[in-house]
Every structure is written in C-alpha cells, then in structure tokens.
Amino acid sequence: MFSLSQEGMSSAEIAGKLGLTKESVYVLSSRVRSKFASEVKKLINNLEF
C-alpha cells in the first residue's frame, strides 16, 4: 500500500485495487507513517552518542 501511495495513486484508487474502504486506507497509511517516524527517531538516537 505504501508503494502505491508513493507512485501517486489516490486513497480511493488504492482502496479499489486492494479491496479496502477508503477509510481503511487512511488508517493504515497513518499507522505506517507513525511507525516509520518512530523507527527513524530510534535510528537517529542510536547514532547520537
């Protein structure tokens, strides 16, 4: 789903392609962004001594 979004597909297009509701796409996208941000913060903290 994340790669489809990066390719420029709209939430409605992604929902149709994956058989999800548009609302589910929004929720899942939000979770992915949140997890990604959390992992980036962990990496940055590990690089700082």
C-alpha atoms as a PDB file:
ATOM      1  CA  MET A   1       0.000   0.000   0.000  1.00  0.00           C
ATOM      2  CA  PHE A   2       2.795   2.417   0.870  1.00  0.00           C
ATOM      3  CA  SER A   3       4.450   1.882  -2.504  1.00  0.00           C
ATOM      4  CA  LEU A   4       1.157   2.515  -4.308  1.00  0.00           C
ATOM      5  CA  SER A   5       0.826   5.795  -2.458  1.00  0.00           C
ATOM      6  CA  GLN A   6       4.393   6.725  -3.393  1.00  0.00           C
ATOM      7  CA  GLU A   7       3.545   6.009  -7.029  1.00  0.00           C
ATOM      8  CA  GLY A   8       0.909   8.736  -6.836  1.00  0.00           C
ATOM      9  CA  MET A   9      -2.246   6.662  -6.503  1.00  0.00           C
ATOM     10  CA  SER A  10      -5.080   8.291  -4.589  1.00  0.00           C
ATOM     11  CA  SER A  11      -6.573   6.717  -1.482  1.00  0.00           C
ATOM     12  CA  ALA A  12      -9.684   5.824  -3.473  1.00  0.00           C
ATOM     13  CA  GLU A  13      -7.592   4.114  -6.164  1.00  0.00           C
ATOM     14  CA  ILE A  14      -5.595   2.181  -3.574  1.00  0.00           C
ATOM     15  CA  ALA A  15      -8.792   1.140  -1.797  1.00  0.00           C
ATOM     16  CA  GLY A  16     -10.280  -0.137  -5.043  1.00  0.00           C
ATOM     17  CA  LYS A  17      -7.145  -2.004  -6.029  1.00  0.00           C
ATOM     18  CA  LEU A  18      -6.752  -3.699  -2.642  1.00  0.00           C
ATOM     19  CA  GLY A  19     -10.430  -4.248  -1.874  1.00  0.00           C
ATOM     20  CA  LEU A  20     -10.408  -1.943   1.151  1.00  0.00           C
ATOM     21  CA  THR A  21     -12.504   1.028   2.140  1.00  0.00           C
ATOM     22  CA  LYS A  22     -11.024   4.475   1.678  1.00  0.00           C
ATOM     23  CA  GLU A  23     -11.207   4.938   5.452  1.00  0.00           C
ATOM     24  CA  SER A  24      -9.131   1.779   5.978  1.00  0.00           C
ATOM     25  CA  VAL A  25      -6.506   3.113   3.601  1.00  0.00           C
ATOM     26  CA  TYR A  26      -6.322   6.349   5.619  1.00  0.00           C
ATOM     27  CA  VAL A  27      -5.967   4.443   8.913  1.00  0.00           C
ATOM     28  CA  LEU A  28      -3.331   2.060   7.569  1.00  0.00           C
ATOM     29  CA  SER A  29      -1.401   4.918   5.951  1.00  0.00           C
ATOM     30  CA  SER A  30      -1.416   6.807   9.234  1.00  0.00           C
ATOM     31  CA  ARG A  31      -0.093   3.750  11.089  1.00  0.00           C
ATOM     32  CA  VAL A  32       2.685   3.246   8.539  1.00  0.00           C
ATOM     33  CA  ARG A  33       3.752   6.904   8.746  1.00  0.00           C
ATOM     34  CA  SER A  34       3.718   6.787  12.545  1.00  0.00           C
ATOM     35  CA  LYS A  35       5.783   3.581  12.694  1.00  0.00           C
ATOM     36  CA  PHE A  36       8.216   4.924  10.101  1.00  0.00           C
ATOM     37  CA  ALA A  37       8.709   8.156  12.069  1.00  0.00           C
ATOM     38  CA  SER A  38       9.244   6.158  15.264  1.00  0.00           C
ATOM     39  CA  GLU A  39      11.889   3.962  13.629  1.00  0.00           C
ATOM     40  CA  VAL A  40      13.699   6.978  12.167  1.00  0.00           C
ATOM     41  CA  LYS A  41      13.786   8.602  15.621  1.00  0.00           C
ATOM     42  CA  LYS A  42      15.258   5.398  17.094  1.00  0.00           C
ATOM     43  CA  LEU A  43      17.943   5.308  14.415  1.00  0.00           C
ATOM     44  CA  ILE A  44      18.831   8.951  14.989  1.00  0.00           C
ATOM     45  CA  ASN A  45      19.034   8.395  18.745  1.00  0.00           C
ATOM     46  CA  ASN A  46      21.311   5.386  18.222  1.00  0.00           C
ATOM     47  CA  LEU A  47      23.641   7.463  16.059  1.00  0.00           C
ATOM     48  CA  GLU A  48      23.958  10.177  18.688  1.00  0.00           C
ATOM     49  CA  PHE A  49      26.359   9.249  21.432  1.00  0.00           C
END
